[in-house]
Structure formats: structure tokens, C-alpha cells
Amino acid sequence: MPLLDLLLEAGNLKKLPRTGWLLRGVPNPESIADHSYRVALITLFLADELREKDIEIDVERALKIALIHDLAEARVTDIPLSAQYYLDKGKAEKKAAMELFIKTPNPREYFRLWREYEEGLSREGRLVKFADKLEMLIQACEYERAGFSNLDEFWKTLDYLHESEFYGHFKELIEGLVKRRKGK
């Protein structure tokens, strides 16, 4: 039963830690599944807010992308940025995604959705990428407030958020996070 095999393998995401936090000395960091859940939640709220502003966005499509955006990591794990320099992470994730999605009822659709995220091919894919980066910064803020340091490199992601097509819509959210980080 391929779908059951996929669902069991997806359970790895609950066990696999986000390695960037481990490398910075955070014991027992969030799992990939923890991260993906909050990315989906952020995507839902941001997409709904965009729709309220009469910006065309397919919320269901965005949520599908958010739910599967890290599924390939069930096989290739969360490869930290320092290791990505030496590996072809994109090729490995693409192969893993293709192999995993073949087990779904509609493999082409899911692979297409995954590519929309990876390559920024749609507004929904780009929104999930924005949500993904925002989630990472929220997590960094939480870890810093818990007393962990040496997380400055994660905050370089602010540049990506500032340059995003969505920044103008969510500037207050981003700036609010920065203020929280500074303790204001």
C-alpha cells in the first residue's frame, strides 16, 4: 500500500530535528514536523489576509504547498546551510520528492506544487517560502528569548523578507518580530 508507506515515512519528520538549531547549541530543537506545522498555519493566516485585501491567492493551493514543502526531508533530512555548500541539496530533494509523491493519488500535481515552492513558480509557492522564512525567524526569536545566543546568522533572512513581494503587506508583522527580538 504505497500511500500507507508514504504516511509512515512522513512520520520521520516528527523525529528529525532542525539541524541548524542543533549546530548552534539548542538542545532538543523543534522537529521538521514542528516547523512545517507552523509554516502551514502562517500560510493560512497570511493567505487569508491577502484575500481580504483583494489580492488573488488560492488558499487551498498555498496550504497544500505548505504541507508538503519539507516532505522530501523525511528522506534527505534537514541539511544545514554549511553542508549545502558541499552537497547538491536541490538534486537530492528533487529525487526524494519524486519518489515520495509517486505514492500519492496524484503524483504530478504534488510534484508540481513542490516545484512551485522550490522554484517560486507561483504566488502561492512564493507565499509559502515567505512563511517558511518568517517561521524560522519566529523560532529564532523564541530561542533567543529562552537564552540561546549565536543565532545572528538566521536573522540575515530578514533581507529575503524585505525584498519579497509580500513585505509591504506584512511589514508590521516583520517589524513587530524585530522589535520583540530587541526586547521592546
N, C-alpha and C. Protein backbone atom coordinates (compact mmCIF):
# COMPACT_ATOMS: atom_id res chain seq x y z
N MET A 1 0.84 -1.18 0.00
CA MET A 1 0.00 0.00 0.00
C MET A 1 0.89 1.25 0.00
N PRO A 2 1.13 1.79 -1.18
CA PRO A 2 2.06 2.93 -1.30
C PRO A 2 1.69 4.13 -0.44
N LEU A 3 0.41 4.49 -0.38
CA LEU A 3 0.05 5.67 0.39
C LEU A 3 0.34 5.45 1.87
N LEU A 4 0.06 4.27 2.38
CA LEU A 4 0.37 3.97 3.77
C LEU A 4 1.87 4.05 4.01
N ASP A 5 2.66 3.53 3.07
CA ASP A 5 4.12 3.62 3.18
C ASP A 5 4.57 5.09 3.25
N LEU A 6 3.97 5.93 2.42
CA LEU A 6 4.31 7.36 2.43
C LEU A 6 3.97 7.99 3.78
N LEU A 7 2.79 7.68 4.28
CA LEU A 7 2.36 8.28 5.56
C LEU A 7 3.26 7.83 6.70
N LEU A 8 3.68 6.58 6.68
CA LEU A 8 4.60 6.09 7.71
C LEU A 8 5.95 6.77 7.58
N GLU A 9 6.43 6.92 6.36
CA GLU A 9 7.72 7.58 6.15
C GLU A 9 7.66 9.06 6.54
N ALA A 10 6.54 9.69 6.28
CA ALA A 10 6.37 11.10 6.67
C ALA A 10 6.51 11.28 8.18
N GLY A 11 6.24 10.21 8.93
CA GLY A 11 6.41 10.26 10.38
C GLY A 11 7.85 10.56 10.79
N ASN A 12 8.80 10.31 9.90
CA ASN A 12 10.20 10.66 10.19
C ASN A 12 10.34 12.15 10.50
N LEU A 13 9.49 12.96 9.89
CA LEU A 13 9.58 14.41 10.09
C LEU A 13 9.36 14.79 11.55
N LYS A 14 8.61 13.96 12.27
CA LYS A 14 8.36 14.22 13.69
C LYS A 14 9.59 13.90 14.54
N LYS A 15 10.47 13.05 14.02
CA LYS A 15 11.64 12.61 14.78
C LYS A 15 12.91 13.38 14.41
N LEU A 16 12.92 13.99 13.24
CA LEU A 16 14.13 14.65 12.74
C LEU A 16 14.20 16.10 13.21
N PRO A 17 15.27 16.45 13.93
CA PRO A 17 15.40 17.84 14.39
C PRO A 17 15.85 18.76 13.27
N ARG A 18 15.56 20.02 13.44
CA ARG A 18 16.09 21.04 12.53
C ARG A 18 17.55 21.24 12.92
N THR A 19 18.44 20.85 12.03
CA THR A 19 19.85 20.77 12.37
C THR A 19 20.53 22.12 12.59
N GLY A 20 20.02 23.16 11.96
CA GLY A 20 20.62 24.48 12.17
C GLY A 20 20.61 24.88 13.63
N TRP A 21 19.55 24.55 14.33
CA TRP A 21 19.46 24.87 15.76
C TRP A 21 20.42 24.00 16.57
N LEU A 22 20.50 22.71 16.21
CA LEU A 22 21.43 21.81 16.90
C LEU A 22 22.86 22.33 16.80
N LEU A 23 23.24 22.76 15.60
CA LEU A 23 24.60 23.24 15.38
C LEU A 23 24.89 24.53 16.15
N ARG A 24 23.86 25.23 16.57
CA ARG A 24 24.04 26.47 17.34
C ARG A 24 23.85 26.23 18.84
N GLY A 25 23.81 24.95 19.24
CA GLY A 25 23.77 24.63 20.67
C GLY A 25 22.40 24.57 21.30
N VAL A 26 21.35 24.54 20.50
CA VAL A 26 20.00 24.42 21.06
C VAL A 26 19.71 22.94 21.26
N PRO A 27 19.63 22.48 22.52
CA PRO A 27 19.33 21.07 22.75
C PRO A 27 17.84 20.82 22.51
N ASN A 28 17.53 19.67 21.99
CA ASN A 28 16.13 19.31 21.72
C ASN A 28 15.38 20.37 20.93
N PRO A 29 15.90 20.75 19.77
CA PRO A 29 15.23 21.78 18.97
C PRO A 29 13.95 21.24 18.34
N GLU A 30 13.21 22.14 17.73
CA GLU A 30 12.00 21.75 17.03
C GLU A 30 12.30 20.69 15.98
N SER A 31 11.30 19.87 15.69
CA SER A 31 11.44 18.89 14.62
C SER A 31 11.05 19.54 13.30
N ILE A 32 11.34 18.85 12.22
CA ILE A 32 10.92 19.34 10.90
C ILE A 32 9.39 19.44 10.86
N ALA A 33 8.71 18.47 11.47
CA ALA A 33 7.24 18.50 11.51
C ALA A 33 6.73 19.70 12.30
N ASP A 34 7.38 20.02 13.43
CA ASP A 34 7.00 21.20 14.20
C ASP A 34 7.07 22.44 13.32
N HIS A 35 8.18 22.57 12.63
CA HIS A 35 8.40 23.70 11.73
C HIS A 35 7.33 23.75 10.64
N SER A 36 7.10 22.61 10.00
CA SER A 36 6.15 22.56 8.89
C SER A 36 4.73 22.91 9.33
N TYR A 37 4.36 22.48 10.53
CA TYR A 37 3.03 22.81 11.03
C TYR A 37 2.85 24.32 11.14
N ARG A 38 3.84 24.99 11.75
CA ARG A 38 3.69 26.44 11.91
C ARG A 38 3.79 27.16 10.58
N VAL A 39 4.57 26.64 9.63
CA VAL A 39 4.60 27.22 8.29
C VAL A 39 3.21 27.16 7.68
N ALA A 40 2.53 26.02 7.83
CA ALA A 40 1.17 25.88 7.28
C ALA A 40 0.21 26.86 7.96
N LEU A 41 0.34 27.01 9.26
CA LEU A 41 -0.53 27.93 10.00
C LEU A 41 -0.29 29.38 9.56
N ILE A 42 0.98 29.75 9.45
CA ILE A 42 1.32 31.10 8.99
C ILE A 42 0.79 31.31 7.57
N THR A 43 0.97 30.32 6.71
CA THR A 43 0.48 30.41 5.33
C THR A 43 -1.01 30.65 5.31
N LEU A 44 -1.75 29.91 6.11
CA LEU A 44 -3.21 30.07 6.16
C LEU A 44 -3.59 31.51 6.52
N PHE A 45 -3.00 32.03 7.58
CA PHE A 45 -3.36 33.37 8.03
C PHE A 45 -2.92 34.46 7.07
N LEU A 46 -1.71 34.31 6.51
CA LEU A 46 -1.24 35.32 5.55
C LEU A 46 -2.07 35.29 4.27
N ALA A 47 -2.39 34.09 3.79
CA ALA A 47 -3.20 33.96 2.57
C ALA A 47 -4.59 34.56 2.79
N ASP A 48 -5.18 34.30 3.93
CA ASP A 48 -6.49 34.88 4.22
C ASP A 48 -6.41 36.40 4.28
N GLU A 49 -5.35 36.91 4.86
CA GLU A 49 -5.19 38.37 4.94
C GLU A 49 -5.01 38.98 3.55
N LEU A 50 -4.25 38.30 2.68
CA LEU A 50 -4.10 38.78 1.31
C LEU A 50 -5.44 38.79 0.59
N ARG A 51 -6.22 37.75 0.79
CA ARG A 51 -7.54 37.67 0.15
C ARG A 51 -8.44 38.80 0.63
N GLU A 52 -8.33 39.14 1.91
CA GLU A 52 -9.11 40.25 2.46
C GLU A 52 -8.73 41.58 1.80
N LYS A 53 -7.50 41.66 1.33
CA LYS A 53 -7.02 42.87 0.64
C LYS A 53 -7.28 42.79 -0.86
N ASP A 54 -8.11 41.82 -1.27
CA ASP A 54 -8.46 41.60 -2.68
C ASP A 54 -7.26 41.24 -3.55
N ILE A 55 -6.29 40.56 -2.96
CA ILE A 55 -5.16 40.06 -3.72
C ILE A 55 -5.46 38.60 -4.05
N GLU A 56 -5.37 38.28 -5.33
CA GLU A 56 -5.72 36.94 -5.77
C GLU A 56 -4.73 35.91 -5.23
N ILE A 57 -5.26 34.99 -4.44
CA ILE A 57 -4.44 33.92 -3.87
C ILE A 57 -5.33 32.70 -3.67
N ASP A 58 -4.84 31.56 -4.05
CA ASP A 58 -5.56 30.31 -3.87
C ASP A 58 -5.12 29.71 -2.54
N VAL A 59 -5.95 29.89 -1.51
CA VAL A 59 -5.59 29.49 -0.16
C VAL A 59 -5.38 27.97 -0.07
N GLU A 60 -6.25 27.22 -0.71
CA GLU A 60 -6.12 25.76 -0.68
C GLU A 60 -4.79 25.33 -1.31
N ARG A 61 -4.46 25.91 -2.42
CA ARG A 61 -3.20 25.58 -3.10
C ARG A 61 -2.00 25.94 -2.21
N ALA A 62 -2.06 27.11 -1.60
CA ALA A 62 -0.97 27.54 -0.71
C ALA A 62 -0.83 26.58 0.46
N LEU A 63 -1.95 26.14 1.03
CA LEU A 63 -1.87 25.20 2.15
C LEU A 63 -1.32 23.85 1.72
N LYS A 64 -1.70 23.39 0.55
CA LYS A 64 -1.13 22.13 0.04
C LYS A 64 0.38 22.25 -0.08
N ILE A 65 0.84 23.36 -0.63
CA ILE A 65 2.28 23.58 -0.78
C ILE A 65 2.95 23.61 0.59
N ALA A 66 2.34 24.32 1.54
CA ALA A 66 2.92 24.41 2.87
C ALA A 66 3.03 23.04 3.54
N LEU A 67 2.02 22.22 3.35
CA LEU A 67 2.02 20.91 3.99
C LEU A 67 3.07 19.96 3.41
N ILE A 68 3.40 20.14 2.14
CA ILE A 68 4.36 19.20 1.52
C ILE A 68 5.74 19.80 1.30
N HIS A 69 5.93 21.07 1.62
CA HIS A 69 7.18 21.74 1.23
C HIS A 69 8.44 21.07 1.79
N ASP A 70 8.35 20.43 2.94
CA ASP A 70 9.53 19.79 3.53
C ASP A 70 9.42 18.26 3.55
N LEU A 71 8.46 17.71 2.84
CA LEU A 71 8.25 16.26 2.87
C LEU A 71 9.49 15.48 2.44
N ALA A 72 10.21 15.97 1.46
CA ALA A 72 11.42 15.27 0.98
C ALA A 72 12.45 15.11 2.08
N GLU A 73 12.40 15.99 3.09
CA GLU A 73 13.35 15.89 4.19
C GLU A 73 13.13 14.65 5.05
N ALA A 74 12.00 13.97 4.87
CA ALA A 74 11.79 12.69 5.54
C ALA A 74 12.84 11.68 5.08
N ARG A 75 13.38 11.90 3.88
CA ARG A 75 14.43 11.03 3.34
C ARG A 75 15.82 11.66 3.41
N VAL A 76 15.93 12.92 3.07
CA VAL A 76 17.27 13.53 2.99
C VAL A 76 17.65 14.28 4.26
N THR A 77 16.76 14.37 5.20
CA THR A 77 16.91 15.10 6.47
C THR A 77 17.02 16.60 6.22
N ASP A 78 17.18 17.33 7.29
CA ASP A 78 17.32 18.79 7.23
C ASP A 78 18.81 19.10 7.10
N ILE A 79 19.23 19.35 5.89
CA ILE A 79 20.66 19.58 5.62
C ILE A 79 20.98 21.04 5.96
N PRO A 80 21.90 21.25 6.91
CA PRO A 80 22.21 22.64 7.31
C PRO A 80 22.90 23.40 6.18
N LEU A 81 22.79 24.71 6.24
CA LEU A 81 23.39 25.55 5.20
C LEU A 81 24.87 25.28 5.01
N SER A 82 25.59 25.03 6.11
CA SER A 82 27.03 24.80 6.00
C SER A 82 27.33 23.55 5.16
N ALA A 83 26.47 22.56 5.22
CA ALA A 83 26.68 21.33 4.43
C ALA A 83 26.18 21.49 3.00
N GLN A 84 25.19 22.33 2.80
CA GLN A 84 24.62 22.51 1.46
C GLN A 84 25.66 23.01 0.46
N TYR A 85 26.65 23.70 0.97
CA TYR A 85 27.73 24.19 0.12
C TYR A 85 28.44 23.03 -0.58
N TYR A 86 28.54 21.91 0.12
CA TYR A 86 29.28 20.75 -0.39
C TYR A 86 28.40 19.73 -1.11
N LEU A 87 27.12 19.82 -0.92
CA LEU A 87 26.19 18.85 -1.48
C LEU A 87 25.25 19.51 -2.48
N ASP A 88 24.68 18.73 -3.35
CA ASP A 88 23.64 19.24 -4.24
C ASP A 88 22.29 18.93 -3.59
N LYS A 89 21.96 19.75 -2.58
CA LYS A 89 20.73 19.53 -1.82
C LYS A 89 19.51 19.54 -2.74
N GLY A 90 19.49 20.45 -3.69
CA GLY A 90 18.34 20.56 -4.58
C GLY A 90 18.09 19.28 -5.36
N LYS A 91 19.16 18.69 -5.87
CA LYS A 91 19.03 17.45 -6.64
C LYS A 91 18.54 16.31 -5.75
N ALA A 92 19.09 16.22 -4.54
CA ALA A 92 18.70 15.16 -3.61
C ALA A 92 17.23 15.31 -3.21
N GLU A 93 16.82 16.53 -2.90
CA GLU A 93 15.43 16.75 -2.51
C GLU A 93 14.48 16.50 -3.67
N LYS A 94 14.87 16.89 -4.86
CA LYS A 94 14.03 16.67 -6.03
C LYS A 94 13.80 15.17 -6.23
N LYS A 95 14.87 14.39 -6.15
CA LYS A 95 14.75 12.94 -6.32
C LYS A 95 13.87 12.34 -5.21
N ALA A 96 14.09 12.75 -3.97
CA ALA A 96 13.29 12.24 -2.85
C ALA A 96 11.82 12.63 -3.02
N ALA A 97 11.58 13.87 -3.42
CA ALA A 97 10.19 14.32 -3.61
C ALA A 97 9.50 13.50 -4.69
N MET A 98 10.19 13.29 -5.80
CA MET A 98 9.60 12.50 -6.89
C MET A 98 9.27 11.09 -6.41
N GLU A 99 10.18 10.47 -5.68
CA GLU A 99 9.95 9.12 -5.20
C GLU A 99 8.81 9.06 -4.18
N LEU A 100 8.70 10.07 -3.35
CA LEU A 100 7.63 10.10 -2.36
C LEU A 100 6.27 10.40 -3.00
N PHE A 101 6.24 11.37 -3.88
CA PHE A 101 4.96 11.77 -4.47
C PHE A 101 4.38 10.71 -5.39
N ILE A 102 5.22 9.80 -5.90
CA ILE A 102 4.72 8.73 -6.76
C ILE A 102 3.75 7.84 -5.97
N LYS A 103 3.82 7.90 -4.66
CA LYS A 103 2.97 7.09 -3.80
C LYS A 103 1.62 7.74 -3.51
N THR A 104 1.45 8.97 -3.99
CA THR A 104 0.20 9.70 -3.73
C THR A 104 -0.82 9.43 -4.82
N PRO A 105 -2.07 9.77 -4.56
CA PRO A 105 -3.10 9.57 -5.59
C PRO A 105 -2.88 10.41 -6.84
N ASN A 106 -2.15 11.53 -6.72
CA ASN A 106 -1.93 12.42 -7.85
C ASN A 106 -0.49 12.92 -7.86
N PRO A 107 0.45 12.05 -8.23
CA PRO A 107 1.88 12.40 -8.12
C PRO A 107 2.29 13.64 -8.89
N ARG A 108 1.76 13.83 -10.09
CA ARG A 108 2.17 15.00 -10.88
C ARG A 108 1.76 16.30 -10.22
N GLU A 109 0.54 16.32 -9.67
CA GLU A 109 0.07 17.54 -9.01
C GLU A 109 0.95 17.87 -7.81
N TYR A 110 1.26 16.88 -6.98
CA TYR A 110 2.06 17.16 -5.79
C TYR A 110 3.48 17.56 -6.14
N PHE A 111 4.04 16.93 -7.15
CA PHE A 111 5.39 17.34 -7.56
C PHE A 111 5.37 18.76 -8.13
N ARG A 112 4.33 19.07 -8.89
CA ARG A 112 4.19 20.43 -9.43
C ARG A 112 4.07 21.45 -8.29
N LEU A 113 3.29 21.13 -7.27
CA LEU A 113 3.14 22.03 -6.12
C LEU A 113 4.49 22.21 -5.40
N TRP A 114 5.21 21.12 -5.23
CA TRP A 114 6.51 21.19 -4.57
C TRP A 114 7.46 22.08 -5.37
N ARG A 115 7.43 21.95 -6.69
CA ARG A 115 8.28 22.79 -7.54
C ARG A 115 7.87 24.26 -7.44
N GLU A 116 6.58 24.54 -7.31
CA GLU A 116 6.13 25.93 -7.16
C GLU A 116 6.79 26.57 -5.95
N TYR A 117 6.97 25.79 -4.89
CA TYR A 117 7.66 26.30 -3.70
C TYR A 117 9.15 26.42 -3.96
N GLU A 118 9.75 25.35 -4.40
CA GLU A 118 11.20 25.32 -4.59
C GLU A 118 11.69 26.38 -5.57
N GLU A 119 10.95 26.58 -6.65
CA GLU A 119 11.40 27.47 -7.71
C GLU A 119 10.65 28.80 -7.75
N GLY A 120 9.72 28.99 -6.81
CA GLY A 120 8.97 30.25 -6.77
C GLY A 120 8.13 30.48 -8.01
N LEU A 121 7.52 29.42 -8.52
CA LEU A 121 6.79 29.49 -9.79
C LEU A 121 5.39 30.09 -9.69
N SER A 122 4.88 30.22 -8.49
CA SER A 122 3.53 30.78 -8.34
C SER A 122 3.51 31.71 -7.12
N ARG A 123 2.51 32.54 -7.07
CA ARG A 123 2.34 33.42 -5.91
C ARG A 123 2.19 32.58 -4.65
N GLU A 124 1.46 31.47 -4.76
CA GLU A 124 1.26 30.61 -3.59
C GLU A 124 2.58 29.99 -3.13
N GLY A 125 3.39 29.53 -4.08
CA GLY A 125 4.70 28.98 -3.73
C GLY A 125 5.60 30.01 -3.07
N ARG A 126 5.57 31.22 -3.59
CA ARG A 126 6.38 32.30 -3.01
C ARG A 126 5.86 32.70 -1.62
N LEU A 127 4.54 32.64 -1.44
CA LEU A 127 3.98 32.95 -0.12
C LEU A 127 4.44 31.91 0.91
N VAL A 128 4.45 30.65 0.52
CA VAL A 128 4.92 29.61 1.45
C VAL A 128 6.40 29.80 1.76
N LYS A 129 7.19 30.17 0.79
CA LYS A 129 8.62 30.46 1.04
C LYS A 129 8.74 31.62 2.03
N PHE A 130 7.92 32.64 1.87
CA PHE A 130 7.90 33.77 2.79
C PHE A 130 7.52 33.28 4.19
N ALA A 131 6.48 32.45 4.27
CA ALA A 131 6.04 31.90 5.56
C ALA A 131 7.12 31.03 6.18
N ASP A 132 7.82 30.28 5.35
CA ASP A 132 8.91 29.41 5.82
C ASP A 132 10.01 30.23 6.47
N LYS A 133 10.40 31.31 5.84
CA LYS A 133 11.46 32.17 6.38
C LYS A 133 10.97 32.90 7.63
N LEU A 134 9.73 33.34 7.60
CA LEU A 134 9.16 34.02 8.76
C LEU A 134 9.09 33.07 9.95
N GLU A 135 8.70 31.83 9.71
CA GLU A 135 8.62 30.86 10.80
C GLU A 135 9.99 30.65 11.42
N MET A 136 11.01 30.56 10.60
CA MET A 136 12.36 30.37 11.11
C MET A 136 12.78 31.53 12.01
N LEU A 137 12.42 32.74 11.63
CA LEU A 137 12.77 33.90 12.44
C LEU A 137 11.97 33.95 13.74
N ILE A 138 10.71 33.54 13.68
CA ILE A 138 9.92 33.47 14.91
C ILE A 138 10.56 32.47 15.86
N GLN A 139 11.00 31.32 15.32
CA GLN A 139 11.66 30.31 16.14
C GLN A 139 12.97 30.85 16.69
N ALA A 140 13.73 31.56 15.89
CA ALA A 140 14.99 32.15 16.36
C ALA A 140 14.71 33.12 17.50
N CYS A 141 13.69 33.92 17.36
CA CYS A 141 13.31 34.87 18.41
C CYS A 141 12.96 34.12 19.70
N GLU A 142 12.20 33.05 19.57
CA GLU A 142 11.82 32.25 20.75
C GLU A 142 13.06 31.66 21.43
N TYR A 143 13.98 31.12 20.63
CA TYR A 143 15.18 30.54 21.20
C TYR A 143 16.05 31.61 21.87
N GLU A 144 16.16 32.77 21.24
CA GLU A 144 16.94 33.85 21.85
C GLU A 144 16.32 34.30 23.16
N ARG A 145 15.02 34.38 23.18
CA ARG A 145 14.33 34.81 24.41
C ARG A 145 14.46 33.76 25.51
N ALA A 146 14.73 32.51 25.11
CA ALA A 146 14.95 31.43 26.08
C ALA A 146 16.41 31.39 26.54
N GLY A 147 17.24 32.28 26.01
CA GLY A 147 18.61 32.39 26.48
C GLY A 147 19.68 31.87 25.54
N PHE A 148 19.29 31.37 24.38
CA PHE A 148 20.28 30.88 23.43
C PHE A 148 20.83 32.04 22.62
N SER A 149 22.13 31.97 22.34
CA SER A 149 22.77 33.05 21.58
C SER A 149 23.41 32.45 20.33
N ASN A 150 24.16 33.26 19.63
CA ASN A 150 24.84 32.80 18.42
C ASN A 150 23.85 32.45 17.30
N LEU A 151 22.74 33.18 17.24
CA LEU A 151 21.73 32.91 16.21
C LEU A 151 21.63 34.04 15.20
N ASP A 152 22.59 34.96 15.23
CA ASP A 152 22.54 36.12 14.34
C ASP A 152 22.46 35.75 12.87
N GLU A 153 23.12 34.68 12.47
CA GLU A 153 23.12 34.33 11.04
C GLU A 153 21.71 34.04 10.52
N PHE A 154 20.82 33.57 11.38
CA PHE A 154 19.45 33.30 10.95
C PHE A 154 18.73 34.60 10.60
N TRP A 155 19.10 35.67 11.28
CA TRP A 155 18.43 36.95 11.06
C TRP A 155 18.80 37.60 9.73
N LYS A 156 19.79 37.05 9.05
CA LYS A 156 20.09 37.54 7.70
C LYS A 156 18.93 37.29 6.75
N THR A 157 18.05 36.40 7.16
CA THR A 157 16.85 36.09 6.37
C THR A 157 15.92 37.29 6.26
N LEU A 158 16.11 38.26 7.13
CA LEU A 158 15.31 39.49 7.04
C LEU A 158 15.47 40.14 5.67
N ASP A 159 16.67 40.04 5.09
CA ASP A 159 16.89 40.61 3.76
C ASP A 159 15.94 39.99 2.75
N TYR A 160 15.78 38.68 2.81
CA TYR A 160 14.85 37.98 1.91
C TYR A 160 13.43 38.50 2.11
N LEU A 161 13.01 38.61 3.36
CA LEU A 161 11.65 39.06 3.65
C LEU A 161 11.43 40.49 3.17
N HIS A 162 12.43 41.35 3.39
CA HIS A 162 12.32 42.75 2.96
C HIS A 162 12.20 42.87 1.44
N GLU A 163 12.83 41.98 0.71
CA GLU A 163 12.81 42.03 -0.76
C GLU A 163 11.61 41.31 -1.36
N SER A 164 10.87 40.60 -0.55
CA SER A 164 9.74 39.82 -1.04
C SER A 164 8.58 40.71 -1.50
N GLU A 165 7.84 40.21 -2.45
CA GLU A 165 6.63 40.91 -2.91
C GLU A 165 5.59 41.05 -1.81
N PHE A 166 5.74 40.28 -0.73
CA PHE A 166 4.75 40.28 0.35
C PHE A 166 5.13 41.22 1.50
N TYR A 167 6.34 41.74 1.47
CA TYR A 167 6.80 42.56 2.59
C TYR A 167 5.87 43.74 2.86
N GLY A 168 5.46 44.44 1.84
CA GLY A 168 4.58 45.59 2.02
C GLY A 168 3.28 45.24 2.72
N HIS A 169 2.80 44.04 2.50
CA HIS A 169 1.54 43.59 3.12
C HIS A 169 1.74 43.17 4.57
N PHE A 170 2.95 42.73 4.91
CA PHE A 170 3.19 42.17 6.24
C PHE A 170 4.34 42.87 6.96
N LYS A 171 4.61 44.10 6.56
CA LYS A 171 5.70 44.88 7.16
C LYS A 171 5.53 45.00 8.67
N GLU A 172 4.32 45.28 9.11
CA GLU A 172 4.06 45.45 10.54
C GLU A 172 4.38 44.17 11.31
N LEU A 173 4.07 43.04 10.73
CA LEU A 173 4.36 41.74 11.35
C LEU A 173 5.86 41.53 11.48
N ILE A 174 6.58 41.79 10.40
CA ILE A 174 8.03 41.59 10.39
C ILE A 174 8.71 42.56 11.37
N GLU A 175 8.32 43.82 11.31
CA GLU A 175 8.94 44.82 12.20
C GLU A 175 8.59 44.55 13.65
N GLY A 176 7.38 44.03 13.89
CA GLY A 176 7.00 43.64 15.25
C GLY A 176 7.88 42.53 15.78
N LEU A 177 8.23 41.59 14.93
CA LEU A 177 9.12 40.50 15.34
C LEU A 177 10.50 41.04 15.67
N VAL A 178 10.99 41.95 14.85
CA VAL A 178 12.32 42.55 15.10
C VAL A 178 12.32 43.30 16.42
N LYS A 179 11.25 44.02 16.72
CA LYS A 179 11.14 44.73 17.99
C LYS A 179 11.12 43.76 19.17
N ARG A 180 10.41 42.67 19.02
CA ARG A 180 10.37 41.66 20.08
C ARG A 180 11.77 41.10 20.33
N ARG A 181 12.50 40.90 19.25
CA ARG A 181 13.86 40.37 19.40
C ARG A 181 14.71 41.34 20.20
N LYS A 182 14.53 42.61 19.96
CA LYS A 182 15.32 43.61 20.67
C LYS A 182 14.78 43.89 22.06
N GLY A 183 13.68 43.20 22.43
CA GLY A 183 13.12 43.36 23.78
C GLY A 183 12.27 44.57 23.98
N LYS A 184 11.76 45.14 22.89
CA LYS A 184 10.94 46.35 23.01
C LYS A 184 9.47 45.99 23.06
